[in-house]
Amino acid sequence: MVAGTRYRFWCGRFHEPAGQRESHSTATMEACVKLCTSKPWCTMVLHGIFRETCQLYDRKVKIEATPPQSSVLWNSAVNDRA
């Protein structure tokens, strides 16, 4: 839970990375998720494993769905707002 919003975290797994609504520079996944929580439209984040990149998405993804893609580039988190 982050500020009352439930998230599911995935290490090295993610949904389609194209089409982010916003992109920010954040050092940690925690900061990225807090940023998402502050936006009422944000339902998913990707955070770079080796880069300080935070991408925010307004995408209808079920929190229970295992992300289909994997690599060493991204960690992801999906919340239950979708």
N, C-alpha and C. Protein backbone atom coordinates (compact mmCIF):
# COMPACT_ATOMS: atom_id res chain seq x y z
N MET A 1 0.84 -1.18 0.00
CA MET A 1 0.00 0.00 0.00
C MET A 1 0.89 1.25 0.00
N VAL A 2 0.52 2.18 -0.83
CA VAL A 2 1.21 3.47 -0.88
C VAL A 2 0.13 4.53 -0.80
N ALA A 3 0.10 5.26 0.29
CA ALA A 3 -0.89 6.32 0.50
C ALA A 3 -2.31 5.83 0.22
N GLY A 4 -2.62 4.63 0.69
CA GLY A 4 -3.97 4.08 0.54
C GLY A 4 -4.25 3.39 -0.78
N THR A 5 -3.28 3.32 -1.67
CA THR A 5 -3.46 2.67 -2.97
C THR A 5 -2.66 1.37 -2.98
N ARG A 6 -3.33 0.28 -3.34
CA ARG A 6 -2.68 -1.04 -3.38
C ARG A 6 -1.92 -1.20 -4.69
N TYR A 7 -0.67 -1.66 -4.62
CA TYR A 7 0.18 -1.91 -5.78
C TYR A 7 0.66 -3.36 -5.78
N ARG A 8 0.93 -3.86 -6.97
CA ARG A 8 1.63 -5.13 -7.14
C ARG A 8 2.90 -4.81 -7.92
N PHE A 9 4.04 -5.27 -7.40
CA PHE A 9 5.34 -4.96 -7.99
C PHE A 9 5.88 -6.16 -8.75
N TRP A 10 6.58 -5.86 -9.86
CA TRP A 10 7.18 -6.90 -10.69
C TRP A 10 8.63 -6.51 -10.97
N CYS A 11 9.55 -7.40 -10.68
CA CYS A 11 10.98 -7.18 -10.96
C CYS A 11 11.32 -7.80 -12.31
N GLY A 12 11.79 -6.96 -13.23
CA GLY A 12 12.20 -7.45 -14.55
C GLY A 12 11.05 -7.84 -15.46
N ARG A 13 9.81 -7.59 -15.06
CA ARG A 13 8.63 -7.90 -15.91
C ARG A 13 7.82 -6.61 -16.07
N PHE A 14 7.20 -6.47 -17.24
CA PHE A 14 6.46 -5.24 -17.51
C PHE A 14 5.48 -5.43 -18.65
N HIS A 15 4.50 -4.54 -18.69
CA HIS A 15 3.56 -4.48 -19.80
C HIS A 15 4.17 -3.57 -20.87
N GLU A 16 3.58 -3.52 -22.03
CA GLU A 16 4.07 -2.73 -23.17
C GLU A 16 4.55 -1.34 -22.71
N PRO A 17 5.82 -0.99 -22.99
CA PRO A 17 6.36 0.26 -22.49
C PRO A 17 6.01 1.50 -23.33
N ALA A 18 5.44 1.33 -24.51
CA ALA A 18 5.10 2.49 -25.35
C ALA A 18 3.87 3.20 -24.79
N GLY A 19 3.79 4.49 -25.03
CA GLY A 19 2.59 5.25 -24.72
C GLY A 19 2.50 5.80 -23.31
N GLN A 20 3.63 6.05 -22.67
CA GLN A 20 3.56 6.64 -21.33
C GLN A 20 2.95 8.03 -21.42
N ARG A 21 2.25 8.41 -20.36
CA ARG A 21 1.63 9.73 -20.31
C ARG A 21 2.61 10.78 -19.79
N GLU A 22 3.47 10.38 -18.86
CA GLU A 22 4.50 11.28 -18.34
C GLU A 22 5.78 10.48 -18.11
N SER A 23 6.90 11.19 -18.17
CA SER A 23 8.20 10.59 -17.88
C SER A 23 8.96 11.53 -16.94
N HIS A 24 9.58 10.96 -15.90
CA HIS A 24 10.29 11.75 -14.90
C HIS A 24 11.61 11.09 -14.58
N SER A 25 12.50 11.85 -13.97
CA SER A 25 13.75 11.31 -13.47
C SER A 25 13.59 11.10 -11.97
N THR A 26 13.60 9.83 -11.54
CA THR A 26 13.53 9.50 -10.11
C THR A 26 14.57 8.43 -9.81
N ALA A 27 15.18 8.54 -8.65
CA ALA A 27 16.26 7.63 -8.30
C ALA A 27 15.76 6.25 -7.89
N THR A 28 14.54 6.16 -7.35
CA THR A 28 14.08 4.89 -6.82
C THR A 28 12.68 4.53 -7.32
N MET A 29 12.37 3.26 -7.25
CA MET A 29 11.03 2.78 -7.56
C MET A 29 10.03 3.38 -6.57
N GLU A 30 10.43 3.51 -5.31
CA GLU A 30 9.56 4.09 -4.30
C GLU A 30 9.11 5.49 -4.70
N ALA A 31 10.04 6.33 -5.14
CA ALA A 31 9.71 7.69 -5.55
C ALA A 31 8.80 7.68 -6.77
N CYS A 32 9.04 6.75 -7.68
CA CYS A 32 8.22 6.63 -8.89
C CYS A 32 6.77 6.27 -8.52
N VAL A 33 6.61 5.31 -7.63
CA VAL A 33 5.27 4.88 -7.21
C VAL A 33 4.56 6.00 -6.45
N LYS A 34 5.27 6.71 -5.61
CA LYS A 34 4.66 7.84 -4.90
C LYS A 34 4.19 8.91 -5.88
N LEU A 35 4.96 9.15 -6.92
CA LEU A 35 4.57 10.10 -7.96
C LEU A 35 3.29 9.63 -8.65
N CYS A 36 3.22 8.34 -8.98
CA CYS A 36 2.02 7.78 -9.60
C CYS A 36 0.82 7.93 -8.68
N THR A 37 1.00 7.64 -7.41
CA THR A 37 -0.09 7.72 -6.44
C THR A 37 -0.65 9.14 -6.36
N SER A 38 0.19 10.14 -6.59
CA SER A 38 -0.26 11.53 -6.52
C SER A 38 -1.07 11.97 -7.74
N LYS A 39 -1.09 11.15 -8.78
CA LYS A 39 -1.83 11.47 -10.02
C LYS A 39 -3.09 10.59 -10.06
N PRO A 40 -4.28 11.16 -10.07
CA PRO A 40 -5.50 10.35 -10.03
C PRO A 40 -5.68 9.44 -11.24
N TRP A 41 -5.05 9.74 -12.35
CA TRP A 41 -5.19 8.95 -13.58
C TRP A 41 -4.18 7.82 -13.69
N CYS A 42 -3.11 7.84 -12.88
CA CYS A 42 -2.01 6.89 -13.04
C CYS A 42 -2.37 5.51 -12.49
N THR A 43 -2.18 4.49 -13.34
CA THR A 43 -2.50 3.11 -12.95
C THR A 43 -1.30 2.17 -13.05
N MET A 44 -0.21 2.61 -13.67
CA MET A 44 0.94 1.73 -13.87
C MET A 44 2.21 2.56 -13.99
N VAL A 45 3.33 2.01 -13.49
CA VAL A 45 4.63 2.67 -13.64
C VAL A 45 5.65 1.67 -14.15
N LEU A 46 6.61 2.20 -14.88
CA LEU A 46 7.84 1.46 -15.20
C LEU A 46 8.98 2.29 -14.63
N HIS A 47 9.92 1.61 -13.97
CA HIS A 47 11.09 2.30 -13.43
C HIS A 47 12.32 1.59 -13.95
N GLY A 48 13.25 2.35 -14.48
CA GLY A 48 14.47 1.78 -15.04
C GLY A 48 15.34 1.12 -13.98
N ILE A 49 15.81 -0.07 -14.27
CA ILE A 49 16.67 -0.78 -13.33
C ILE A 49 18.06 -0.15 -13.30
N PHE A 50 18.58 0.24 -14.45
CA PHE A 50 19.91 0.85 -14.53
C PHE A 50 19.86 2.33 -14.88
N ARG A 51 18.65 2.88 -14.98
CA ARG A 51 18.47 4.30 -15.30
C ARG A 51 17.51 4.90 -14.29
N GLU A 52 17.61 6.17 -14.06
CA GLU A 52 16.69 6.85 -13.15
C GLU A 52 15.49 7.37 -13.93
N THR A 53 14.82 6.49 -14.63
CA THR A 53 13.68 6.85 -15.46
C THR A 53 12.41 6.29 -14.84
N CYS A 54 11.41 7.15 -14.72
CA CYS A 54 10.10 6.76 -14.20
C CYS A 54 9.06 7.12 -15.25
N GLN A 55 8.35 6.13 -15.74
CA GLN A 55 7.31 6.36 -16.74
C GLN A 55 5.96 6.06 -16.12
N LEU A 56 5.03 7.00 -16.29
CA LEU A 56 3.68 6.88 -15.72
C LEU A 56 2.68 6.62 -16.83
N TYR A 57 1.73 5.72 -16.55
CA TYR A 57 0.76 5.30 -17.56
C TYR A 57 -0.67 5.41 -17.05
N ASP A 58 -1.56 5.72 -17.96
CA ASP A 58 -3.00 5.67 -17.73
C ASP A 58 -3.50 4.52 -18.58
N ARG A 59 -3.37 3.31 -18.06
CA ARG A 59 -3.67 2.12 -18.83
C ARG A 59 -4.51 1.17 -17.99
N LYS A 60 -5.48 0.54 -18.62
CA LYS A 60 -6.35 -0.41 -17.92
C LYS A 60 -5.67 -1.78 -17.88
N VAL A 61 -4.93 -2.03 -16.82
CA VAL A 61 -4.23 -3.30 -16.62
C VAL A 61 -4.71 -3.87 -15.29
N LYS A 62 -5.11 -5.11 -15.30
CA LYS A 62 -5.56 -5.75 -14.06
C LYS A 62 -4.37 -6.01 -13.15
N ILE A 63 -4.54 -5.73 -11.88
CA ILE A 63 -3.46 -5.90 -10.91
C ILE A 63 -3.02 -7.36 -10.81
N GLU A 64 -3.92 -8.29 -11.14
CA GLU A 64 -3.61 -9.72 -11.06
C GLU A 64 -2.85 -10.25 -12.29
N ALA A 65 -2.82 -9.48 -13.37
CA ALA A 65 -2.24 -9.95 -14.64
C ALA A 65 -0.70 -9.91 -14.60
N THR A 66 -0.07 -11.05 -14.86
CA THR A 66 1.38 -11.10 -14.94
C THR A 66 1.83 -10.40 -16.23
N PRO A 67 2.73 -9.42 -16.12
CA PRO A 67 3.21 -8.73 -17.32
C PRO A 67 3.86 -9.71 -18.30
N PRO A 68 3.55 -9.58 -19.60
CA PRO A 68 4.03 -10.54 -20.58
C PRO A 68 5.49 -10.36 -21.00
N GLN A 69 6.05 -9.18 -20.80
CA GLN A 69 7.41 -8.92 -21.27
C GLN A 69 8.39 -8.97 -20.11
N SER A 70 9.63 -9.35 -20.43
CA SER A 70 10.65 -9.37 -19.39
C SER A 70 11.99 -8.92 -19.98
N SER A 71 12.77 -8.25 -19.15
CA SER A 71 14.12 -7.84 -19.51
C SER A 71 14.80 -7.33 -18.26
N VAL A 72 16.06 -6.99 -18.39
CA VAL A 72 16.79 -6.43 -17.26
C VAL A 72 16.71 -4.90 -17.25
N LEU A 73 15.84 -4.32 -18.07
CA LEU A 73 15.75 -2.86 -18.17
C LEU A 73 14.70 -2.23 -17.27
N TRP A 74 13.60 -2.94 -17.00
CA TRP A 74 12.47 -2.32 -16.31
C TRP A 74 11.95 -3.17 -15.15
N ASN A 75 11.57 -2.49 -14.08
CA ASN A 75 10.70 -3.03 -13.04
C ASN A 75 9.38 -2.31 -13.21
N SER A 76 8.30 -2.92 -12.75
CA SER A 76 7.00 -2.26 -12.92
C SER A 76 6.14 -2.42 -11.68
N ALA A 77 5.13 -1.59 -11.61
CA ALA A 77 4.13 -1.68 -10.55
C ALA A 77 2.79 -1.30 -11.16
N VAL A 78 1.77 -2.04 -10.76
CA VAL A 78 0.40 -1.80 -11.23
C VAL A 78 -0.46 -1.60 -9.99
N ASN A 79 -1.35 -0.61 -10.01
CA ASN A 79 -2.22 -0.42 -8.86
C ASN A 79 -3.64 -0.91 -9.16
N ASP A 80 -4.47 -0.89 -8.15
CA ASP A 80 -5.82 -1.42 -8.30
C ASP A 80 -6.85 -0.37 -8.71
N ARG A 81 -6.41 0.74 -9.28
CA ARG A 81 -7.34 1.77 -9.76
C ARG A 81 -7.96 1.42 -11.11
N ALA A 82 -7.32 0.54 -11.86
CA ALA A 82 -7.78 0.23 -13.23
C ALA A 82 -9.14 -0.44 -13.22
